[in-house]
Amino acid sequence: MSADRAQRWLILSHAFNMDGRASSQTITDKIPHILNAGVEVVVLSGVSGLRDAHLEHHQLWPLGPAGIKFELRHVLRRKWGHGLAYRIGMTLASVLLLPGIFLEKLFRPVESSWSWYLTAYLKGLSLIRASRFDMIYSTGGAFAAHLAAQALSRRTGLPWMAEVHDPFVTPGQPVRSAQARMQCKVEKIICTEASLAVWFTDQALASAKARHPQLGARGKVLLPGIDQPFVAGLPARTASSKLILGHFGSLSETRNLVRIVEAFEHLRVHAPEVLQDIELHIYGGPLDVISAKRIQASASRSHFRHFGRVEADPESGLTGRERILQKMRSVDVLLLLHGEEPICEEYIPSKMYEYLWMQRPILAQVHRNPQMTAMLKTQGHQVVETGLHAETAHEVGREMADALTTLWHAWKLTALPDNGRQSPLTTKATVDQLLAMTENLLRSR
């Protein structure tokens, strides 16, 4: 590559510019820094997100009916909201697409976005034939982006950088479903054919290398990080008469509130004066079934308040993500739940990087992930670890209750002022490393 012209990248990201999606933020947050470095980018994405007005951005529908329904749901919701028009539109679309979806799931029972790789490949090939590109960059999230990038790299000879968000293979889990088999296949393709492959944790890379030694030095770790999220500085906080814990993000059967319920129940019996001052405010989608049942059956249920998903506000012009960031600042303690399944050993929630900028105390439940534990403790936050021993839910709940008691004493004494720390884990630092890697890659060719 000539040193007197800018690099030009073709970026494949199915979820690009989807408000509140971690798989979107991981790439969209990088874009300003990539552009500032003089790299020209062209983005191929699905249609669920917003079209980017500042760069060449092609939004593509998938070919499969399941993928069309998935994308249509987001498009209509963005256009019509959640009202009657949306429900009628989706009902009609579901009826029309049902036969095709049935056949698709019969012969291709994997994630609905899989067929997007076909349209991404065709559009990408057309763009590469019409203009110069130096590299293909697939990021996700959805494995369709990586399949399209592999096909384009094979066809055109361009180098390919793959960025893997959540690991495709769960350690120690049997591979039974078609989806799991496909994810194993995609990981092997990346480890074998990608010119450069990036994972987000040390253990995720180590496991991929153990399964596919051919990856070798082409495998790298880059912590995604996040830049200072408040352009105008940190919003001011207003003291509350309660010690407010805030949980932000999705919940599931394996990432639920059971441990915190156990902690509240322990406090109710052993330290009621502590519990009477505490509330947990929950922001995000619906409660998972396990959390909902456990809270409903608990004598401490009045200490839980579920606010649901925070959407964009047309009056203020704030996006859902911006509103969530403001709410993070407003709570006394940020609750970070990692989950309790094998994949957690190789995964760090993107929410952690946002939390580290809020200057609020973090209480984290971390499952068998020493890298994540060390990152939080280094910044002065409290961690309750699970999965290291044969502990019971009661024992973990008691440890969580002890951590809450410590925070309560600090709150009573000092009102938990901001810690004043700036997070060292920034997107800019990540992009600087990424640019150095790609520069070496392109020079070597």
Protein backbone atom coordinates (compact mmCIF):
# COMPACT_ATOMS: atom_id res chain seq x y z
CA MET A 1 0.00 0.00 0.00
CA SER A 2 1.30 3.44 -0.92
CA ALA A 3 2.11 5.64 2.06
CA ASP A 4 0.79 8.81 0.35
CA ARG A 5 -2.87 7.85 0.27
CA ALA A 6 -5.47 7.09 2.92
CA GLN A 7 -6.46 3.59 3.86
CA ARG A 8 -9.96 2.63 2.77
CA TRP A 9 -11.91 0.00 4.74
CA LEU A 10 -15.12 -1.88 3.98
CA ILE A 11 -16.84 -2.42 7.34
CA LEU A 12 -19.50 -5.13 7.72
CA SER A 13 -21.65 -4.67 10.83
CA HIS A 14 -25.18 -6.04 10.83
CA ALA A 15 -26.32 -3.99 13.88
CA PHE A 16 -24.64 -0.69 12.96
CA ASN A 17 -26.32 2.42 14.46
CA MET A 18 -28.87 0.48 16.53
CA ASP A 19 -29.54 2.63 19.59
CA GLY A 20 -28.62 0.86 22.82
CA ARG A 21 -27.17 -2.29 21.21
CA ALA A 22 -23.74 -3.29 22.50
CA SER A 23 -22.93 -4.86 19.12
CA SER A 24 -23.57 -1.46 17.55
CA GLN A 25 -21.76 0.69 20.12
CA THR A 26 -18.61 -1.41 19.86
CA ILE A 27 -18.11 -0.32 16.24
CA THR A 28 -19.95 3.03 16.05
CA ASP A 29 -17.92 4.41 18.97
CA LYS A 30 -14.74 3.61 17.01
CA ILE A 31 -15.80 5.36 13.80
CA PRO A 32 -14.90 8.99 14.77
CA HIS A 33 -11.40 7.93 15.82
CA ILE A 34 -10.92 5.85 12.67
CA LEU A 35 -12.00 8.80 10.51
CA ASN A 36 -9.79 11.22 12.48
CA ALA A 37 -6.84 8.97 11.67
CA GLY A 38 -7.50 9.59 7.98
CA VAL A 39 -9.03 6.20 7.20
CA GLU A 40 -11.92 6.24 4.74
CA VAL A 41 -14.74 3.82 5.58
CA VAL A 42 -17.75 2.40 3.81
CA VAL A 43 -20.26 0.57 6.02
CA LEU A 44 -22.63 -2.26 5.13
CA SER A 45 -25.31 -2.99 7.72
CA GLY A 46 -28.85 -4.22 8.18
CA VAL A 47 -31.78 -1.80 8.10
CA SER A 48 -32.64 -1.94 11.80
CA GLY A 49 -30.43 0.98 12.77
CA LEU A 50 -30.38 4.58 11.60
CA ARG A 51 -28.63 5.52 8.37
CA ASP A 52 -25.39 7.35 9.15
CA ALA A 53 -25.37 10.80 7.56
CA HIS A 54 -21.63 11.36 7.93
CA LEU A 55 -20.19 8.47 5.95
CA GLU A 56 -21.02 6.14 3.09
CA HIS A 57 -23.47 3.73 4.66
CA HIS A 58 -25.44 1.08 2.76
CA GLN A 59 -28.36 -0.53 4.60
CA LEU A 60 -29.30 -3.95 3.24
CA TRP A 61 -32.26 -6.25 3.79
CA PRO A 62 -31.55 -9.96 4.28
CA LEU A 63 -32.90 -12.46 1.77
CA GLY A 64 -34.51 -14.90 4.20
CA PRO A 65 -38.07 -14.34 5.48
CA ALA A 66 -37.06 -14.75 9.15
CA GLY A 67 -34.47 -12.02 8.73
CA ILE A 68 -36.95 -9.80 6.90
CA LYS A 69 -39.40 -10.13 9.80
CA PHE A 70 -36.67 -9.32 12.32
CA GLU A 71 -35.61 -6.19 10.45
CA LEU A 72 -39.18 -5.12 9.70
CA ARG A 73 -40.06 -5.19 13.38
CA HIS A 74 -37.38 -2.59 14.11
CA VAL A 75 -38.13 -0.47 11.06
CA LEU A 76 -41.87 -0.25 11.77
CA ARG A 77 -41.33 0.36 15.48
CA ARG A 78 -39.01 3.25 14.66
CA LYS A 79 -41.55 4.68 12.22
CA TRP A 80 -44.83 4.05 14.05
CA GLY A 81 -43.89 3.35 17.65
CA HIS A 82 -45.63 0.54 19.55
CA GLY A 83 -49.19 1.53 18.69
CA LEU A 84 -52.01 0.00 16.68
CA ALA A 85 -50.46 0.69 13.27
CA TYR A 86 -47.32 -1.21 14.27
CA ARG A 87 -49.28 -4.18 15.61
CA ILE A 88 -51.44 -4.40 12.48
CA GLY A 89 -48.42 -4.08 10.20
CA MET A 90 -46.47 -6.78 12.00
CA THR A 91 -49.48 -9.11 12.11
CA LEU A 92 -49.95 -8.84 8.34
CA ALA A 93 -46.22 -9.30 7.72
CA SER A 94 -46.09 -12.32 10.02
CA VAL A 95 -48.97 -14.00 8.19
CA LEU A 96 -47.44 -13.36 4.77
CA LEU A 97 -43.96 -14.48 5.82
CA LEU A 98 -45.06 -17.51 7.88
CA PRO A 99 -44.76 -20.19 5.15
CA GLY A 100 -41.29 -18.99 4.20
CA ILE A 101 -40.18 -18.76 7.82
CA PHE A 102 -41.41 -22.32 8.44
CA LEU A 103 -39.35 -23.65 5.52
CA GLU A 104 -36.33 -21.56 6.47
CA LYS A 105 -36.33 -22.79 10.07
CA LEU A 106 -36.82 -26.35 8.83
CA PHE A 107 -33.75 -26.30 6.59
CA ARG A 108 -31.67 -23.55 8.23
CA PRO A 109 -32.51 -23.44 11.98
CA VAL A 110 -30.03 -20.73 12.96
CA GLU A 111 -30.26 -17.05 13.92
CA SER A 112 -32.62 -15.10 11.69
CA SER A 113 -29.94 -12.70 10.42
CA TRP A 114 -27.92 -15.46 8.72
CA SER A 115 -29.18 -14.61 5.20
CA TRP A 116 -27.89 -11.05 5.48
CA TYR A 117 -24.48 -12.38 4.51
CA LEU A 118 -25.76 -13.00 0.98
CA THR A 119 -26.84 -9.40 0.38
CA ALA A 120 -23.73 -8.08 2.17
CA TYR A 121 -21.52 -10.21 -0.05
CA LEU A 122 -23.22 -9.10 -3.27
CA LYS A 123 -23.16 -5.41 -2.34
CA GLY A 124 -19.62 -5.65 -1.03
CA LEU A 125 -18.41 -7.28 -4.23
CA SER A 126 -20.08 -4.57 -6.30
CA LEU A 127 -18.39 -1.83 -4.23
CA ILE A 128 -14.96 -3.47 -4.36
CA ARG A 129 -15.19 -3.83 -8.14
CA ALA A 130 -16.17 -0.18 -8.49
CA SER A 131 -13.63 1.36 -6.10
CA ARG A 132 -10.39 0.69 -4.26
CA PHE A 133 -10.39 -0.87 -0.79
CA ASP A 134 -7.42 -1.88 1.38
CA MET A 135 -9.16 -4.08 3.96
CA ILE A 136 -12.40 -5.79 4.93
CA TYR A 137 -13.41 -5.39 8.59
CA SER A 138 -16.21 -7.60 9.94
CA THR A 139 -17.55 -7.01 13.42
CA GLY A 140 -20.30 -8.74 15.40
CA GLY A 141 -22.42 -9.83 16.87
CA ALA A 142 -24.21 -11.62 14.05
CA PHE A 143 -22.04 -14.24 12.34
CA ALA A 144 -23.40 -13.17 8.94
CA ALA A 145 -20.89 -10.31 8.81
CA HIS A 146 -17.96 -12.71 9.18
CA LEU A 147 -19.30 -15.11 6.54
CA ALA A 148 -19.73 -12.26 4.07
CA ALA A 149 -16.24 -10.95 4.85
CA GLN A 150 -14.70 -14.39 4.33
CA ALA A 151 -16.41 -14.76 0.96
CA LEU A 152 -15.33 -11.28 -0.14
CA SER A 153 -11.74 -11.83 1.00
CA ARG A 154 -11.56 -15.11 -0.90
CA ARG A 155 -13.04 -13.56 -4.02
CA THR A 156 -11.00 -10.34 -4.05
CA GLY A 157 -7.79 -11.23 -2.19
CA LEU A 158 -8.24 -8.32 0.23
CA PRO A 159 -7.02 -8.79 3.81
CA TRP A 160 -9.77 -9.45 6.34
CA MET A 161 -9.93 -8.38 9.98
CA ALA A 162 -12.57 -10.12 12.10
CA GLU A 163 -13.71 -8.69 15.44
CA VAL A 164 -15.50 -11.24 17.64
CA HIS A 165 -17.77 -9.79 20.32
CA ASP A 166 -19.19 -12.60 22.45
CA PRO A 167 -17.28 -15.88 21.99
CA PHE A 168 -18.92 -18.20 19.47
CA VAL A 169 -18.13 -21.37 21.44
CA THR A 170 -19.15 -21.89 25.07
CA PRO A 171 -16.39 -23.69 27.00
CA GLY A 172 -17.29 -27.16 28.24
CA GLN A 173 -20.72 -27.15 26.60
CA PRO A 174 -21.76 -29.93 24.17
CA VAL A 175 -22.39 -28.76 20.62
CA ARG A 176 -25.88 -30.04 19.82
CA SER A 177 -27.98 -27.39 18.09
CA ALA A 178 -27.64 -26.18 14.52
CA GLN A 179 -26.88 -22.70 15.87
CA ALA A 180 -24.04 -24.02 18.05
CA ARG A 181 -22.61 -26.02 15.15
CA MET A 182 -22.72 -22.98 12.91
CA GLN A 183 -20.97 -20.85 15.52
CA CYS A 184 -18.22 -23.47 15.83
CA LYS A 185 -17.84 -23.39 12.05
CA VAL A 186 -17.62 -19.60 11.96
CA GLU A 187 -14.98 -19.57 14.70
CA LYS A 188 -12.90 -22.09 12.74
CA ILE A 189 -13.24 -19.99 9.58
CA ILE A 190 -12.04 -16.88 11.41
CA CYS A 191 -9.11 -18.66 13.05
CA THR A 192 -8.07 -20.23 9.77
CA GLU A 193 -8.65 -17.49 7.20
CA ALA A 194 -8.80 -14.05 8.83
CA SER A 195 -5.67 -11.96 8.34
CA LEU A 196 -6.22 -10.51 11.80
CA ALA A 197 -8.70 -11.71 14.45
CA VAL A 198 -9.65 -9.77 17.58
CA TRP A 199 -11.33 -10.98 20.78
CA PHE A 200 -12.41 -8.88 23.78
CA THR A 201 -10.92 -10.91 26.66
CA ASP A 202 -7.70 -12.80 27.32
CA GLN A 203 -9.52 -16.07 28.02
CA ALA A 204 -11.66 -15.87 24.87
CA LEU A 205 -8.51 -15.63 22.74
CA ALA A 206 -6.76 -18.38 24.72
CA SER A 207 -9.70 -20.76 24.22
CA ALA A 208 -9.96 -19.99 20.50
CA LYS A 209 -6.24 -20.68 20.09
CA ALA A 210 -6.52 -23.94 22.03
CA ARG A 211 -9.27 -25.12 19.66
CA HIS A 212 -7.54 -23.74 16.55
CA PRO A 213 -3.73 -23.51 16.95
CA GLN A 214 -3.46 -22.35 13.34
CA LEU A 215 -4.62 -18.91 14.55
CA GLY A 216 -1.18 -18.24 16.00
CA ALA A 217 -0.02 -14.62 16.19
CA ARG A 218 -2.92 -13.42 14.05
CA GLY A 219 -5.11 -13.55 17.17
CA LYS A 220 -5.20 -10.41 19.33
CA VAL A 221 -7.04 -9.05 22.38
CA LEU A 222 -8.47 -5.53 22.39
CA LEU A 223 -10.59 -4.31 25.28
CA PRO A 224 -13.36 -2.27 23.63
CA GLY A 225 -13.55 0.43 26.27
CA ILE A 226 -15.63 3.58 25.95
CA ASP A 227 -14.75 7.28 25.74
CA GLN A 228 -16.02 9.88 28.22
CA PRO A 229 -19.76 9.62 27.43
CA PHE A 230 -20.73 13.11 28.59
CA VAL A 231 -19.63 15.82 26.16
CA ALA A 232 -20.61 18.63 28.52
CA GLY A 233 -19.12 16.97 31.60
CA LEU A 234 -20.69 14.76 34.23
CA PRO A 235 -24.30 15.67 35.06
CA ALA A 236 -24.80 16.78 38.65
CA ARG A 237 -26.26 14.32 41.12
CA THR A 238 -29.12 14.90 43.55
CA ALA A 239 -28.97 13.20 46.93
CA SER A 240 -31.77 10.75 47.70
CA SER A 241 -33.36 9.75 50.97
CA LYS A 242 -32.68 6.13 49.99
CA LEU A 243 -29.54 4.25 49.02
CA ILE A 244 -30.43 3.60 45.37
CA LEU A 245 -28.83 0.70 43.55
CA GLY A 246 -29.25 0.78 39.78
CA HIS A 247 -29.13 -2.17 37.39
CA PHE A 248 -28.99 -1.36 33.69
CA GLY A 249 -29.26 -3.85 30.84
CA SER A 250 -30.86 -7.13 29.99
CA LEU A 251 -31.59 -10.00 32.38
CA SER A 252 -31.89 -13.68 31.57
CA GLU A 253 -32.19 -17.08 33.22
CA THR A 254 -28.41 -17.13 33.68
CA ARG A 255 -28.01 -13.41 34.48
CA ASN A 256 -30.71 -12.72 37.02
CA LEU A 257 -31.42 -11.02 40.33
CA VAL A 258 -31.57 -14.11 42.52
CA ARG A 259 -28.31 -13.34 44.35
CA ILE A 260 -29.41 -9.80 45.16
CA VAL A 261 -32.78 -11.10 46.39
CA GLU A 262 -30.88 -13.48 48.66
CA ALA A 263 -28.83 -10.53 49.91
CA PHE A 264 -31.92 -8.44 50.64
CA GLU A 265 -33.53 -11.34 52.51
CA HIS A 266 -30.38 -11.82 54.55
CA LEU A 267 -30.44 -8.12 55.46
CA ARG A 268 -34.14 -8.29 56.31
CA VAL A 269 -33.38 -10.88 58.99
CA HIS A 270 -29.96 -9.77 60.22
CA ALA A 271 -29.79 -6.02 59.48
CA PRO A 272 -33.28 -4.60 58.84
CA GLU A 273 -32.03 -1.08 59.52
CA VAL A 274 -29.80 -1.45 56.44
CA LEU A 275 -32.46 -2.89 54.15
CA GLN A 276 -35.02 -0.23 55.04
CA ASP A 277 -32.77 2.37 53.38
CA ILE A 278 -32.09 0.40 50.16
CA GLU A 279 -33.94 0.18 46.85
CA LEU A 280 -32.92 -1.51 43.61
CA HIS A 281 -34.03 0.32 40.45
CA ILE A 282 -34.03 -1.89 37.35
CA TYR A 283 -33.76 -0.41 33.85
CA GLY A 284 -33.90 -2.42 30.63
CA GLY A 285 -36.21 -4.96 29.08
CA PRO A 286 -38.67 -7.14 30.97
CA LEU A 287 -37.59 -9.08 34.01
CA ASP A 288 -36.53 -12.62 33.28
CA VAL A 289 -38.86 -15.33 34.55
CA ILE A 290 -36.54 -16.45 37.36
CA SER A 291 -36.04 -12.92 38.73
CA ALA A 292 -39.74 -12.08 38.47
CA LYS A 293 -40.80 -15.19 40.39
CA ARG A 294 -38.09 -14.81 43.02
CA ILE A 295 -38.91 -11.16 43.67
CA GLN A 296 -42.65 -11.81 43.81
CA ALA A 297 -42.14 -14.57 46.39
CA SER A 298 -39.76 -12.49 48.51
CA ALA A 299 -40.74 -10.56 51.61
CA SER A 300 -38.32 -7.86 50.40
CA ARG A 301 -40.16 -7.32 47.07
CA SER A 302 -41.11 -3.74 47.98
CA HIS A 303 -37.43 -2.82 47.66
CA PHE A 304 -37.40 -3.61 43.91
CA ARG A 305 -38.65 -1.11 41.30
CA HIS A 306 -38.69 -2.05 37.62
CA PHE A 307 -38.73 0.89 35.17
CA GLY A 308 -38.43 -1.08 31.90
CA ARG A 309 -36.66 -0.05 28.73
CA VAL A 310 -35.68 3.60 28.32
CA GLU A 311 -36.44 4.81 24.79
CA ALA A 312 -35.37 7.91 22.88
CA ASP A 313 -37.14 11.11 23.96
CA PRO A 314 -38.38 13.17 20.97
CA GLU A 315 -38.99 16.24 23.16
CA SER A 316 -35.45 16.52 24.49
CA GLY A 317 -33.82 14.92 21.46
CA LEU A 318 -31.91 12.52 23.73
CA THR A 319 -31.34 8.99 22.49
CA GLY A 320 -32.18 6.02 24.66
CA ARG A 321 -28.49 5.53 25.34
CA GLU A 322 -28.03 9.16 26.44
CA ARG A 323 -31.00 8.94 28.79
CA ILE A 324 -29.68 5.72 30.30
CA LEU A 325 -26.27 7.30 30.89
CA GLN A 326 -27.94 10.14 32.78
CA LYS A 327 -29.86 7.66 34.93
CA MET A 328 -26.62 5.80 35.68
CA ARG A 329 -25.24 9.02 37.08
CA SER A 330 -28.30 9.50 39.28
CA VAL A 331 -28.02 6.31 41.34
CA ASP A 332 -25.87 5.80 44.43
CA VAL A 333 -24.42 2.40 43.50
CA LEU A 334 -24.26 0.66 40.12
CA LEU A 335 -25.08 -3.05 40.22
CA LEU A 336 -23.21 -5.10 37.61
CA LEU A 337 -24.38 -8.68 37.05
CA HIS A 338 -22.07 -10.87 35.03
CA GLY A 339 -24.18 -14.01 34.88
CA GLU A 340 -23.46 -17.54 36.00
CA GLU A 341 -22.67 -19.73 33.02
CA PRO A 342 -19.44 -20.98 31.41
CA ILE A 343 -19.40 -18.26 28.71
CA CYS A 344 -18.85 -15.67 31.46
CA GLU A 345 -15.26 -16.90 31.81
CA GLU A 346 -14.59 -15.35 28.39
CA TYR A 347 -16.93 -12.38 28.40
CA ILE A 348 -17.00 -8.89 29.97
CA PRO A 349 -20.32 -7.01 29.77
CA SER A 350 -19.99 -3.81 27.72
CA LYS A 351 -21.96 -2.12 30.48
CA MET A 352 -18.88 -2.29 32.69
CA TYR A 353 -17.01 0.17 30.48
CA GLU A 354 -19.89 2.67 30.80
CA TYR A 355 -20.09 2.14 34.55
CA LEU A 356 -16.39 2.95 34.98
CA TRP A 357 -17.00 6.47 33.65
CA MET A 358 -19.89 7.25 35.99
CA GLN A 359 -17.63 7.87 39.04
CA ARG A 360 -20.14 5.93 41.15
CA PRO A 361 -19.33 2.90 43.33
CA ILE A 362 -19.85 -0.41 41.51
CA LEU A 363 -21.01 -3.62 43.18
CA ALA A 364 -20.29 -6.44 40.75
CA GLN A 365 -21.14 -10.11 40.75
CA VAL A 366 -18.43 -11.75 38.61
CA HIS A 367 -18.35 -15.38 37.51
CA ARG A 368 -14.94 -17.06 37.09
CA ASN A 369 -13.32 -14.15 35.27
CA PRO A 370 -10.10 -12.99 36.97
CA GLN A 371 -9.45 -10.38 34.25
CA MET A 372 -12.77 -8.65 34.91
CA THR A 373 -12.34 -8.95 38.69
CA ALA A 374 -8.90 -7.35 38.54
CA MET A 375 -10.11 -4.50 36.32
CA LEU A 376 -12.86 -3.60 38.80
CA LYS A 377 -10.80 -3.98 41.97
CA THR A 378 -7.99 -1.90 40.48
CA GLN A 379 -10.49 0.93 40.12
CA GLY A 380 -11.59 0.54 43.76
CA HIS A 381 -14.92 -1.25 43.25
CA GLN A 382 -16.44 -4.17 45.15
CA VAL A 383 -16.63 -7.64 43.60
CA VAL A 384 -18.53 -10.72 44.75
CA GLU A 385 -17.19 -13.75 42.87
CA THR A 386 -19.18 -16.86 41.95
CA GLY A 387 -18.16 -20.21 40.52
CA LEU A 388 -14.75 -20.37 42.16
CA HIS A 389 -15.89 -22.78 44.86
CA ALA A 390 -18.91 -24.94 45.54
CA GLU A 391 -20.66 -22.04 47.23
CA THR A 392 -24.39 -22.03 47.74
CA ALA A 393 -26.74 -19.24 46.73
CA HIS A 394 -27.15 -18.45 50.41
CA GLU A 395 -23.39 -17.99 50.89
CA VAL A 396 -23.11 -15.70 47.87
CA GLY A 397 -26.17 -13.79 49.03
CA ARG A 398 -24.59 -13.30 52.44
CA GLU A 399 -21.38 -12.01 50.84
CA MET A 400 -23.46 -9.64 48.72
CA ALA A 401 -25.29 -8.51 51.86
CA ASP A 402 -21.95 -7.80 53.56
CA ALA A 403 -20.89 -5.68 50.59
CA LEU A 404 -24.19 -3.78 50.70
CA THR A 405 -23.74 -3.18 54.42
CA THR A 406 -20.29 -1.72 53.80
CA LEU A 407 -21.72 0.57 51.14
CA TRP A 408 -24.60 1.54 53.45
CA HIS A 409 -22.21 2.60 56.21
CA ALA A 410 -20.23 4.69 53.71
CA TRP A 411 -23.47 6.22 52.41
CA LYS A 412 -24.62 7.15 55.91
CA LEU A 413 -21.24 8.68 56.68
CA THR A 414 -20.31 10.43 53.41
CA ALA A 415 -23.34 10.14 51.04
CA LEU A 416 -21.00 8.27 48.64
CA PRO A 417 -19.42 11.18 46.74
CA ASP A 418 -18.07 10.70 43.22
CA ASN A 419 -14.72 8.92 43.19
CA GLY A 420 -13.20 11.36 40.66
CA ARG A 421 -11.57 8.59 38.61
CA GLN A 422 -11.25 8.79 34.84
CA SER A 423 -11.53 5.41 33.16
CA PRO A 424 -8.32 4.37 31.38
CA LEU A 425 -10.31 2.01 29.14
CA THR A 426 -11.16 4.34 26.25
CA THR A 427 -12.29 3.71 22.69
CA LYS A 428 -9.55 6.02 21.45
CA ALA A 429 -6.87 3.88 23.11
CA THR A 430 -8.44 0.79 21.53
CA VAL A 431 -8.51 2.38 18.07
CA ASP A 432 -4.88 3.48 18.41
CA GLN A 433 -3.94 -0.16 19.01
CA LEU A 434 -6.20 -1.29 16.18
CA LEU A 435 -4.64 1.16 13.73
CA ALA A 436 -1.15 0.01 14.66
CA MET A 437 -2.17 -3.61 14.04
CA THR A 438 -3.77 -2.87 10.68
CA GLU A 439 -0.83 -0.70 9.59
CA ASN A 440 1.53 -3.61 10.25
CA LEU A 441 -0.84 -5.98 8.46
CA LEU A 442 -1.08 -3.81 5.34
CA ARG A 443 2.63 -3.04 5.25
CA SER A 444 3.43 -6.73 5.40
CA ARG A 445 1.37 -7.25 2.24
